[in-house]
Amino acid sequence: TVYLQMNSLKPEDTAVYSCNAQRFGYYYWGQGTQ
């Protein structure tokens, strides 16, 4: 598991956040979280 701790959030941080993994030149993506 990888975590992203986000502090002091700003309105400009509003977005869909997606996780990415790179393995042997391939990119894999999660479904995203708002």
Full PDB file with SEQRES, HELIX, SHEET, SSBOND, CRYST1, ORIGX, SCALE, CONECT and MASTER records, all heavy atoms in Angstrom:
SEQRES   1 A   34  THR VAL TYR LEU GLN MET ASN SER LEU LYS PRO GLU ASP          
SEQRES   2 A   34  THR ALA VAL TYR SER CYS ASN ALA GLN ARG PHE GLY TYR          
SEQRES   3 A   34  TYR TYR TRP GLY GLN GLY THR GLN                              
HELIX    1 AA1 PRO A   11  ASP A   13  5                                   3    
SHEET    1 AA1 2 ASN A  20  ARG A  23  0                                        
SHEET    2 AA1 2 TYR A  26  TRP A  29 -1                                        
CRYST1    1.000    1.000    1.000  90.00  90.00  90.00 P 1           1          
ORIGX1      1.000000  0.000000  0.000000        0.00000                         
ORIGX2      0.000000  1.000000  0.000000        0.00000                         
ORIGX3      0.000000  0.000000  1.000000        0.00000                         
SCALE1      1.000000  0.000000  0.000000        0.00000                         
SCALE2      0.000000  1.000000  0.000000        0.00000                         
SCALE3      0.000000  0.000000  1.000000        0.00000                         
ATOM      1  N   THR A   1       0.830  -1.200   0.000  1.00  0.00           N  
ATOM      2  CA  THR A   1       0.000   0.000   0.000  1.00  0.00           C  
ATOM      3  C   THR A   1       0.869   1.256   0.000  1.00  0.00           C  
ATOM      4  O   THR A   1       1.887   1.306   0.699  1.00  0.00           O  
ATOM      5  CB  THR A   1      -0.945   0.018   1.216  1.00  0.00           C  
ATOM      6  OG1 THR A   1      -1.795  -1.132   1.159  1.00  0.00           O  
ATOM      7  CG2 THR A   1      -1.807   1.266   1.230  1.00  0.00           C  
ATOM      8  N   VAL A   2       0.436   2.217  -0.771  1.00  0.00           N  
ATOM      9  CA  VAL A   2       1.082   3.527  -0.800  1.00  0.00           C  
ATOM     10  C   VAL A   2       0.086   4.555  -0.277  1.00  0.00           C  
ATOM     11  O   VAL A   2      -1.109   4.478  -0.588  1.00  0.00           O  
ATOM     12  CB  VAL A   2       1.528   3.895  -2.232  1.00  0.00           C  
ATOM     13  CG1 VAL A   2       2.017   5.335  -2.299  1.00  0.00           C  
ATOM     14  CG2 VAL A   2       2.629   2.962  -2.694  1.00  0.00           C  
ATOM     15  N   TYR A   3       0.602   5.494   0.489  1.00  0.00           N  
ATOM     16  CA  TYR A   3      -0.243   6.498   1.095  1.00  0.00           C  
ATOM     17  C   TYR A   3       0.143   7.901   0.613  1.00  0.00           C  
ATOM     18  O   TYR A   3       1.297   8.144   0.259  1.00  0.00           O  
ATOM     19  CB  TYR A   3      -0.116   6.461   2.620  1.00  0.00           C  
ATOM     20  CG  TYR A   3      -0.424   5.120   3.222  1.00  0.00           C  
ATOM     21  CD1 TYR A   3       0.596   4.224   3.536  1.00  0.00           C  
ATOM     22  CD2 TYR A   3      -1.746   4.740   3.481  1.00  0.00           C  
ATOM     23  CE1 TYR A   3       0.308   2.991   4.085  1.00  0.00           C  
ATOM     24  CE2 TYR A   3      -2.034   3.503   4.042  1.00  0.00           C  
ATOM     25  CZ  TYR A   3      -0.999   2.638   4.333  1.00  0.00           C  
ATOM     26  OH  TYR A   3      -1.288   1.408   4.878  1.00  0.00           O  
ATOM     27  N   LEU A   4      -0.824   8.786   0.631  1.00  0.00           N  
ATOM     28  CA  LEU A   4      -0.549  10.196   0.386  1.00  0.00           C  
ATOM     29  C   LEU A   4      -1.210  10.989   1.508  1.00  0.00           C  
ATOM     30  O   LEU A   4      -2.431  11.106   1.543  1.00  0.00           O  
ATOM     31  CB  LEU A   4      -1.076  10.652  -0.970  1.00  0.00           C  
ATOM     32  CG  LEU A   4      -0.721  12.090  -1.349  1.00  0.00           C  
ATOM     33  CD1 LEU A   4       0.796  12.226  -1.564  1.00  0.00           C  
ATOM     34  CD2 LEU A   4      -1.474  12.540  -2.598  1.00  0.00           C  
ATOM     35  N   GLN A   5      -0.389  11.477   2.424  1.00  0.00           N  
ATOM     36  CA  GLN A   5      -0.881  12.313   3.505  1.00  0.00           C  
ATOM     37  C   GLN A   5      -0.911  13.745   3.008  1.00  0.00           C  
ATOM     38  O   GLN A   5       0.122  14.285   2.598  1.00  0.00           O  
ATOM     39  CB  GLN A   5       0.018  12.199   4.730  1.00  0.00           C  
ATOM     40  CG  GLN A   5      -0.396  13.088   5.893  1.00  0.00           C  
ATOM     41  CD  GLN A   5      -1.719  12.681   6.498  1.00  0.00           C  
ATOM     42  OE1 GLN A   5      -1.977  11.502   6.720  1.00  0.00           O  
ATOM     43  NE2 GLN A   5      -2.572  13.661   6.789  1.00  0.00           N  
ATOM     44  N   MET A   6      -2.082  14.339   3.045  1.00  0.00           N  
ATOM     45  CA  MET A   6      -2.260  15.699   2.522  1.00  0.00           C  
ATOM     46  C   MET A   6      -2.675  16.618   3.662  1.00  0.00           C  
ATOM     47  O   MET A   6      -3.751  16.438   4.247  1.00  0.00           O  
ATOM     48  CB  MET A   6      -3.312  15.706   1.409  1.00  0.00           C  
ATOM     49  CG  MET A   6      -3.017  14.729   0.289  1.00  0.00           C  
ATOM     50  SD  MET A   6      -4.188  14.842  -1.081  1.00  0.00           S  
ATOM     51  CE  MET A   6      -5.687  14.293  -0.268  1.00  0.00           C  
ATOM     52  N   ASN A   7      -1.825  17.567   3.974  1.00  0.00           N  
ATOM     53  CA  ASN A   7      -2.090  18.535   5.029  1.00  0.00           C  
ATOM     54  C   ASN A   7      -2.220  19.941   4.445  1.00  0.00           C  
ATOM     55  O   ASN A   7      -1.803  20.184   3.312  1.00  0.00           O  
ATOM     56  CB  ASN A   7      -0.970  18.512   6.068  1.00  0.00           C  
ATOM     57  CG  ASN A   7      -0.820  17.171   6.749  1.00  0.00           C  
ATOM     58  OD1 ASN A   7      -1.798  16.447   6.951  1.00  0.00           O  
ATOM     59  ND2 ASN A   7       0.397  16.829   7.116  1.00  0.00           N  
ATOM     60  N   SER A   8      -2.776  20.827   5.229  1.00  0.00           N  
ATOM     61  CA  SER A   8      -2.931  22.228   4.809  1.00  0.00           C  
ATOM     62  C   SER A   8      -3.550  22.318   3.423  1.00  0.00           C  
ATOM     63  O   SER A   8      -3.063  23.039   2.544  1.00  0.00           O  
ATOM     64  CB  SER A   8      -1.561  22.942   4.832  1.00  0.00           C  
ATOM     65  OG  SER A   8      -0.980  22.891   6.101  1.00  0.00           O  
ATOM     66  N   LEU A   9      -4.615  21.596   3.232  1.00  0.00           N  
ATOM     67  CA  LEU A   9      -5.240  21.532   1.913  1.00  0.00           C  
ATOM     68  C   LEU A   9      -5.807  22.882   1.499  1.00  0.00           C  
ATOM     69  O   LEU A   9      -6.290  23.663   2.335  1.00  0.00           O  
ATOM     70  CB  LEU A   9      -6.331  20.471   1.908  1.00  0.00           C  
ATOM     71  CG  LEU A   9      -5.808  19.029   1.817  1.00  0.00           C  
ATOM     72  CD1 LEU A   9      -6.855  18.036   2.270  1.00  0.00           C  
ATOM     73  CD2 LEU A   9      -5.351  18.730   0.401  1.00  0.00           C  
ATOM     74  N   LYS A  10      -5.727  23.119   0.199  1.00  0.00           N  
ATOM     75  CA  LYS A  10      -6.204  24.364  -0.392  1.00  0.00           C  
ATOM     76  C   LYS A  10      -7.292  24.058  -1.422  1.00  0.00           C  
ATOM     77  O   LYS A  10      -7.324  22.950  -1.980  1.00  0.00           O  
ATOM     78  CB  LYS A  10      -5.045  25.086  -1.089  1.00  0.00           C  
ATOM     79  CG  LYS A  10      -3.839  25.358  -0.219  1.00  0.00           C  
ATOM     80  CD  LYS A  10      -2.707  25.962  -1.036  1.00  0.00           C  
ATOM     81  CE  LYS A  10      -1.475  26.218  -0.175  1.00  0.00           C  
ATOM     82  NZ  LYS A  10      -0.360  26.795  -0.970  1.00  0.00           N  
ATOM     83  N   PRO A  11      -8.156  25.006  -1.702  1.00  0.00           N  
ATOM     84  CA  PRO A  11      -9.189  24.761  -2.724  1.00  0.00           C  
ATOM     85  C   PRO A  11      -8.597  24.327  -4.063  1.00  0.00           C  
ATOM     86  O   PRO A  11      -9.200  23.505  -4.773  1.00  0.00           O  
ATOM     87  CB  PRO A  11      -9.889  26.111  -2.832  1.00  0.00           C  
ATOM     88  CG  PRO A  11      -9.736  26.716  -1.478  1.00  0.00           C  
ATOM     89  CD  PRO A  11      -8.375  26.299  -1.019  1.00  0.00           C  
ATOM     90  N   GLU A  12      -7.408  24.817  -4.389  1.00  0.00           N  
ATOM     91  CA  GLU A  12      -6.778  24.427  -5.658  1.00  0.00           C  
ATOM     92  C   GLU A  12      -6.268  22.996  -5.664  1.00  0.00           C  
ATOM     93  O   GLU A  12      -5.820  22.497  -6.704  1.00  0.00           O  
ATOM     94  CB  GLU A  12      -5.649  25.394  -6.034  1.00  0.00           C  
ATOM     95  CG  GLU A  12      -4.634  25.631  -4.932  1.00  0.00           C  
ATOM     96  CD  GLU A  12      -4.924  26.899  -4.146  1.00  0.00           C  
ATOM     97  OE1 GLU A  12      -6.106  27.131  -3.803  1.00  0.00           O  
ATOM     98  OE2 GLU A  12      -3.954  27.638  -3.862  1.00  0.00           O  
ATOM     99  N   ASP A  13      -6.327  22.302  -4.535  1.00  0.00           N  
ATOM    100  CA  ASP A  13      -5.983  20.878  -4.493  1.00  0.00           C  
ATOM    101  C   ASP A  13      -7.164  20.011  -4.917  1.00  0.00           C  
ATOM    102  O   ASP A  13      -7.022  18.791  -5.062  1.00  0.00           O  
ATOM    103  CB  ASP A  13      -5.557  20.472  -3.078  1.00  0.00           C  
ATOM    104  CG  ASP A  13      -4.262  21.128  -2.647  1.00  0.00           C  
ATOM    105  OD1 ASP A  13      -3.329  21.217  -3.464  1.00  0.00           O  
ATOM    106  OD2 ASP A  13      -4.177  21.554  -1.471  1.00  0.00           O  
ATOM    107  N   THR A  14      -8.322  20.621  -5.131  1.00  0.00           N  
ATOM    108  CA  THR A  14      -9.502  19.868  -5.554  1.00  0.00           C  
ATOM    109  C   THR A  14      -9.256  19.207  -6.898  1.00  0.00           C  
ATOM    110  O   THR A  14      -8.860  19.854  -7.870  1.00  0.00           O  
ATOM    111  CB  THR A  14     -10.716  20.798  -5.652  1.00  0.00           C  
ATOM    112  OG1 THR A  14     -11.028  21.297  -4.342  1.00  0.00           O  
ATOM    113  CG2 THR A  14     -11.923  20.072  -6.221  1.00  0.00           C  
ATOM    114  N   ALA A  15      -9.453  17.881  -6.950  1.00  0.00           N  
ATOM    115  CA  ALA A  15      -9.189  17.115  -8.160  1.00  0.00           C  
ATOM    116  C   ALA A  15      -9.557  15.654  -7.917  1.00  0.00           C  
ATOM    117  O   ALA A  15      -9.841  15.263  -6.778  1.00  0.00           O  
ATOM    118  CB  ALA A  15      -7.713  17.212  -8.555  1.00  0.00           C  
ATOM    119  N   VAL A  16      -9.525  14.890  -8.993  1.00  0.00           N  
ATOM    120  CA  VAL A  16      -9.576  13.433  -8.858  1.00  0.00           C  
ATOM    121  C   VAL A  16      -8.139  12.953  -8.747  1.00  0.00           C  
ATOM    122  O   VAL A  16      -7.306  13.244  -9.620  1.00  0.00           O  
ATOM    123  CB  VAL A  16     -10.268  12.780 -10.067  1.00  0.00           C  
ATOM    124  CG1 VAL A  16     -10.175  11.260  -9.966  1.00  0.00           C  
ATOM    125  CG2 VAL A  16     -11.725  13.223 -10.152  1.00  0.00           C  
ATOM    126  N   TYR A  17      -7.860  12.233  -7.688  1.00  0.00           N  
ATOM    127  CA  TYR A  17      -6.511  11.722  -7.440  1.00  0.00           C  
ATOM    128  C   TYR A  17      -6.468  10.250  -7.830  1.00  0.00           C  
ATOM    129  O   TYR A  17      -7.314   9.454  -7.406  1.00  0.00           O  
ATOM    130  CB  TYR A  17      -6.157  11.888  -5.969  1.00  0.00           C  
ATOM    131  CG  TYR A  17      -5.847  13.323  -5.599  1.00  0.00           C  
ATOM    132  CD1 TYR A  17      -6.829  14.293  -5.573  1.00  0.00           C  
ATOM    133  CD2 TYR A  17      -4.534  13.710  -5.287  1.00  0.00           C  
ATOM    134  CE1 TYR A  17      -6.537  15.611  -5.248  1.00  0.00           C  
ATOM    135  CE2 TYR A  17      -4.237  15.023  -4.959  1.00  0.00           C  
ATOM    136  CZ  TYR A  17      -5.241  15.966  -4.945  1.00  0.00           C  
ATOM    137  OH  TYR A  17      -4.946  17.268  -4.627  1.00  0.00           O  
ATOM    138  N   SER A  18      -5.450   9.915  -8.618  1.00  0.00           N  
ATOM    139  CA  SER A  18      -5.314   8.547  -9.105  1.00  0.00           C  
ATOM    140  C   SER A  18      -3.946   7.994  -8.751  1.00  0.00           C  
ATOM    141  O   SER A  18      -2.940   8.709  -8.820  1.00  0.00           O  
ATOM    142  CB  SER A  18      -5.492   8.493 -10.625  1.00  0.00           C  
ATOM    143  OG  SER A  18      -6.777   8.946 -11.004  1.00  0.00           O  
ATOM    144  N   CYS A  19      -3.938   6.723  -8.416  1.00  0.00           N  
ATOM    145  CA  CYS A  19      -2.707   6.019  -8.101  1.00  0.00           C  
ATOM    146  C   CYS A  19      -2.160   5.369  -9.369  1.00  0.00           C  
ATOM    147  O   CYS A  19      -2.940   4.883 -10.212  1.00  0.00           O  
ATOM    148  CB  CYS A  19      -3.001   4.964  -7.038  1.00  0.00           C  
ATOM    149  SG  CYS A  19      -1.593   3.976  -6.525  1.00  0.00           S  
ATOM    150  N   ASN A  20      -0.848   5.363  -9.485  1.00  0.00           N  
ATOM    151  CA  ASN A  20      -0.185   4.802 -10.663  1.00  0.00           C  
ATOM    152  C   ASN A  20       0.938   3.875 -10.206  1.00  0.00           C  
ATOM    153  O   ASN A  20       1.640   4.176  -9.245  1.00  0.00           O  
ATOM    154  CB  ASN A  20       0.373   5.949 -11.506  1.00  0.00           C  
ATOM    155  CG  ASN A  20       1.386   5.486 -12.530  1.00  0.00           C  
ATOM    156  OD1 ASN A  20       2.581   5.483 -12.271  1.00  0.00           O  
ATOM    157  ND2 ASN A  20       0.898   5.087 -13.688  1.00  0.00           N  
ATOM    158  N   ALA A  21       1.080   2.768 -10.906  1.00  0.00           N  
ATOM    159  CA  ALA A  21       2.192   1.860 -10.652  1.00  0.00           C  
ATOM    160  C   ALA A  21       2.895   1.578 -11.979  1.00  0.00           C  
ATOM    161  O   ALA A  21       2.232   1.402 -13.000  1.00  0.00           O  
ATOM    162  CB  ALA A  21       1.705   0.563 -10.022  1.00  0.00           C  
ATOM    163  N   GLN A  22       4.201   1.539 -11.924  1.00  0.00           N  
ATOM    164  CA  GLN A  22       4.989   1.267 -13.127  1.00  0.00           C  
ATOM    165  C   GLN A  22       5.765  -0.029 -12.928  1.00  0.00           C  
ATOM    166  O   GLN A  22       6.470  -0.195 -11.938  1.00  0.00           O  
ATOM    167  CB  GLN A  22       5.932   2.434 -13.406  1.00  0.00           C  
ATOM    168  CG  GLN A  22       5.187   3.725 -13.693  1.00  0.00           C  
ATOM    169  CD  GLN A  22       6.084   4.910 -13.865  1.00  0.00           C  
ATOM    170  OE1 GLN A  22       7.264   4.772 -14.199  1.00  0.00           O  
ATOM    171  NE2 GLN A  22       5.542   6.104 -13.656  1.00  0.00           N  
ATOM    172  N   ARG A  23       5.612  -0.912 -13.908  1.00  0.00           N  
ATOM    173  CA  ARG A  23       6.227  -2.247 -13.806  1.00  0.00           C  
ATOM    174  C   ARG A  23       6.673  -2.676 -15.193  1.00  0.00           C  
ATOM    175  O   ARG A  23       5.832  -2.834 -16.077  1.00  0.00           O  
ATOM    176  CB  ARG A  23       5.233  -3.246 -13.216  1.00  0.00           C  
ATOM    177  CG  ARG A  23       5.751  -4.654 -13.071  1.00  0.00           C  
ATOM    178  CD  ARG A  23       4.682  -5.549 -12.432  1.00  0.00           C  
ATOM    179  NE  ARG A  23       5.176  -6.885 -12.189  1.00  0.00           N  
ATOM    180  CZ  ARG A  23       5.138  -7.866 -13.097  1.00  0.00           C  
ATOM    181  NH1 ARG A  23       4.613  -7.638 -14.293  1.00  0.00           N  
ATOM    182  NH2 ARG A  23       5.616  -9.064 -12.801  1.00  0.00           N  
ATOM    183  N   PHE A  24       7.958  -2.807 -15.353  1.00  0.00           N  
ATOM    184  CA  PHE A  24       8.543  -3.271 -16.619  1.00  0.00           C  
ATOM    185  C   PHE A  24       8.012  -2.464 -17.809  1.00  0.00           C  
ATOM    186  O   PHE A  24       7.654  -3.028 -18.843  1.00  0.00           O  
ATOM    187  CB  PHE A  24       8.269  -4.756 -16.813  1.00  0.00           C  
ATOM    188  CG  PHE A  24       8.872  -5.627 -15.756  1.00  0.00           C  
ATOM    189  CD1 PHE A  24       8.104  -6.587 -15.104  1.00  0.00           C  
ATOM    190  CD2 PHE A  24      10.206  -5.486 -15.396  1.00  0.00           C  
ATOM    191  CE1 PHE A  24       8.663  -7.392 -14.121  1.00  0.00           C  
ATOM    192  CE2 PHE A  24      10.762  -6.282 -14.404  1.00  0.00           C  
ATOM    193  CZ  PHE A  24       9.985  -7.238 -13.769  1.00  0.00           C  
ATOM    194  N   GLY A  25       7.935  -1.162 -17.628  1.00  0.00           N  
ATOM    195  CA  GLY A  25       7.532  -0.296 -18.723  1.00  0.00           C  
ATOM    196  C   GLY A  25       6.035  -0.143 -18.915  1.00  0.00           C  
ATOM    197  O   GLY A  25       5.599   0.628 -19.764  1.00  0.00           O  
ATOM    198  N   TYR A  26       5.265  -0.864 -18.125  1.00  0.00           N  
ATOM    199  CA  TYR A  26       3.809  -0.738 -18.207  1.00  0.00           C  
ATOM    200  C   TYR A  26       3.306   0.169 -17.079  1.00  0.00           C  
ATOM    201  O   TYR A  26       3.848   0.161 -15.973  1.00  0.00           O  
ATOM    202  CB  TYR A  26       3.138  -2.105 -18.104  1.00  0.00           C  
ATOM    203  CG  TYR A  26       3.300  -2.940 -19.347  1.00  0.00           C  
ATOM    204  CD1 TYR A  26       4.401  -3.779 -19.486  1.00  0.00           C  
ATOM    205  CD2 TYR A  26       2.364  -2.886 -20.377  1.00  0.00           C  
ATOM    206  CE1 TYR A  26       4.566  -4.551 -20.620  1.00  0.00           C  
ATOM    207  CE2 TYR A  26       2.524  -3.659 -21.512  1.00  0.00           C  
ATOM    208  CZ  TYR A  26       3.628  -4.493 -21.632  1.00  0.00           C  
ATOM    209  OH  TYR A  26       3.785  -5.240 -22.766  1.00  0.00           O  
ATOM    210  N   TYR A  27       2.251   0.904 -17.392  1.00  0.00           N  
ATOM    211  CA  TYR A  27       1.627   1.801 -16.434  1.00  0.00           C  
ATOM    212  C   TYR A  27       0.267   1.229 -16.045  1.00  0.00           C  
ATOM    213  O   TYR A  27      -0.530   0.874 -16.909  1.00  0.00           O  
ATOM    214  CB  TYR A  27       1.443   3.202 -17.025  1.00  0.00           C  
ATOM    215  CG  TYR A  27       2.705   4.008 -17.122  1.00  0.00           C  
ATOM    216  CD1 TYR A  27       3.798   3.553 -17.855  1.00  0.00           C  
ATOM    217  CD2 TYR A  27       2.825   5.240 -16.480  1.00  0.00           C  
ATOM    218  CE1 TYR A  27       4.961   4.297 -17.946  1.00  0.00           C  
ATOM    219  CE2 TYR A  27       3.981   5.987 -16.562  1.00  0.00           C  
ATOM    220  CZ  TYR A  27       5.042   5.511 -17.307  1.00  0.00           C  
ATOM    221  OH  TYR A  27       6.194   6.254 -17.394  1.00  0.00           O  
ATOM    222  N   TYR A  28       0.005   1.181 -14.776  1.00  0.00           N  
ATOM    223  CA  TYR A  28      -1.273   0.708 -14.263  1.00  0.00           C  
ATOM    224  C   TYR A  28      -1.905   1.834 -13.456  1.00  0.00           C  
ATOM    225  O   TYR A  28      -1.210   2.593 -12.764  1.00  0.00           O  
ATOM    226  CB  TYR A  28      -1.081  -0.533 -13.385  1.00  0.00           C  
ATOM    227  CG  TYR A  28      -0.458  -1.682 -14.126  1.00  0.00           C  
ATOM    228  CD1 TYR A  28       0.919  -1.859 -14.145  1.00  0.00           C  
ATOM    229  CD2 TYR A  28      -1.258  -2.604 -14.802  1.00  0.00           C  
ATOM    230  CE1 TYR A  28       1.502  -2.900 -14.834  1.00  0.00           C  
ATOM    231  CE2 TYR A  28      -0.678  -3.670 -15.492  1.00  0.00           C  
ATOM    232  CZ  TYR A  28       0.691  -3.811 -15.506  1.00  0.00           C  
ATOM    233  OH  TYR A  28       1.263  -4.845 -16.181  1.00  0.00           O  
ATOM    234  N   TRP A  29      -3.247   1.918 -13.529  1.00  0.00           N  
ATOM    235  CA  TRP A  29      -3.975   3.013 -12.878  1.00  0.00           C  
ATOM    236  C   TRP A  29      -5.110   2.484 -12.015  1.00  0.00           C  
ATOM    237  O   TRP A  29      -5.770   1.496 -12.369  1.00  0.00           O  
ATOM    238  CB  TRP A  29      -4.557   3.952 -13.932  1.00  0.00           C  
ATOM    239  CG  TRP A  29      -3.510   4.661 -14.731  1.00  0.00           C  
ATOM    240  CD1 TRP A  29      -2.968   4.260 -15.915  1.00  0.00           C  
ATOM    241  CD2 TRP A  29      -2.850   5.885 -14.390  1.00  0.00           C  
ATOM    242  NE1 TRP A  29      -2.027   5.167 -16.334  1.00  0.00           N  
ATOM    243  CE2 TRP A  29      -1.937   6.176 -15.419  1.00  0.00           C  
ATOM    244  CE3 TRP A  29      -2.966   6.773 -13.315  1.00  0.00           C  
ATOM    245  CZ2 TRP A  29      -1.126   7.310 -15.413  1.00  0.00           C  
ATOM    246  CZ3 TRP A  29      -2.165   7.901 -13.316  1.00  0.00           C  
ATOM    247  CH2 TRP A  29      -1.260   8.160 -14.348  1.00  0.00           C  
ATOM    248  N   GLY A  30      -5.358   3.191 -10.928  1.00  0.00           N  
ATOM    249  CA  GLY A  30      -6.546   2.927 -10.147  1.00  0.00           C  
ATOM    250  C   GLY A  30      -7.721   3.697 -10.727  1.00  0.00           C  
ATOM    251  O   GLY A  30      -7.599   4.412 -11.726  1.00  0.00           O  
ATOM    252  N   GLN A  31      -8.875   3.573 -10.068  1.00  0.00           N  
ATOM    253  CA  GLN A  31     -10.092   4.183 -10.595  1.00  0.00           C  
ATOM    254  C   GLN A  31     -10.197   5.654 -10.233  1.00  0.00           C  
ATOM    255  O   GLN A  31     -10.997   6.385 -10.818  1.00  0.00           O  
ATOM    256  CB  GLN A  31     -11.327   3.423 -10.069  1.00  0.00           C  
ATOM    257  CG  GLN A  31     -11.760   3.800  -8.662  1.00  0.00           C  
ATOM    258  CD  GLN A  31     -10.875   3.219  -7.566  1.00  0.00           C  
ATOM    259  OE1 GLN A  31      -9.914   2.500  -7.838  1.00  0.00           O  
ATOM    260  NE2 GLN A  31     -11.200   3.529  -6.321  1.00  0.00           N  
ATOM    261  N   GLY A  32      -9.397   6.101  -9.277  1.00  0.00           N  
ATOM    262  CA  GLY A  32      -9.417   7.502  -8.880  1.00  0.00           C  
ATOM    263  C   GLY A  32     -10.338   7.746  -7.702  1.00  0.00           C  
ATOM    264  O   GLY A  32     -11.319   7.036  -7.487  1.00  0.00           O  
ATOM    265  N   THR A  33     -10.008   8.766  -6.924  1.00  0.00           N  
ATOM    266  CA  THR A  33     -10.834   9.161  -5.788  1.00  0.00           C  
ATOM    267  C   THR A  33     -10.924  10.683  -5.767  1.00  0.00           C  
ATOM    268  O   THR A  33      -9.933  11.380  -5.977  1.00  0.00           O  
ATOM    269  CB  THR A  33     -10.262   8.601  -4.468  1.00  0.00           C  
ATOM    270  OG1 THR A  33     -11.152   8.907  -3.392  1.00  0.00           O  
ATOM    271  CG2 THR A  33      -8.885   9.164  -4.147  1.00  0.00           C  
ATOM    272  N   GLN A  34     -12.127  11.191  -5.522  1.00  0.00           N  
ATOM    273  CA  GLN A  34     -12.353  12.626  -5.569  1.00  0.00           C  
ATOM    274  C   GLN A  34     -11.930  13.275  -4.260  1.00  0.00           C  
ATOM    275  O   GLN A  34     -12.308  12.810  -3.175  1.00  0.00           O  
ATOM    276  CB  GLN A  34     -13.831  12.928  -5.831  1.00  0.00           C  
ATOM    277  CG  GLN A  34     -14.191  14.395  -5.809  1.00  0.00           C  
ATOM    278  CD  GLN A  34     -13.632  15.152  -6.999  1.00  0.00           C  
ATOM    279  OE1 GLN A  34     -13.710  14.678  -8.133  1.00  0.00           O  
ATOM    280  NE2 GLN A  34     -13.076  16.336  -6.754  1.00  0.00           N  
TER     281      GLN A  34                                                      
MASTER        0    0    0    1    2    0    0    6  280    1    0    3          
END                                                                             
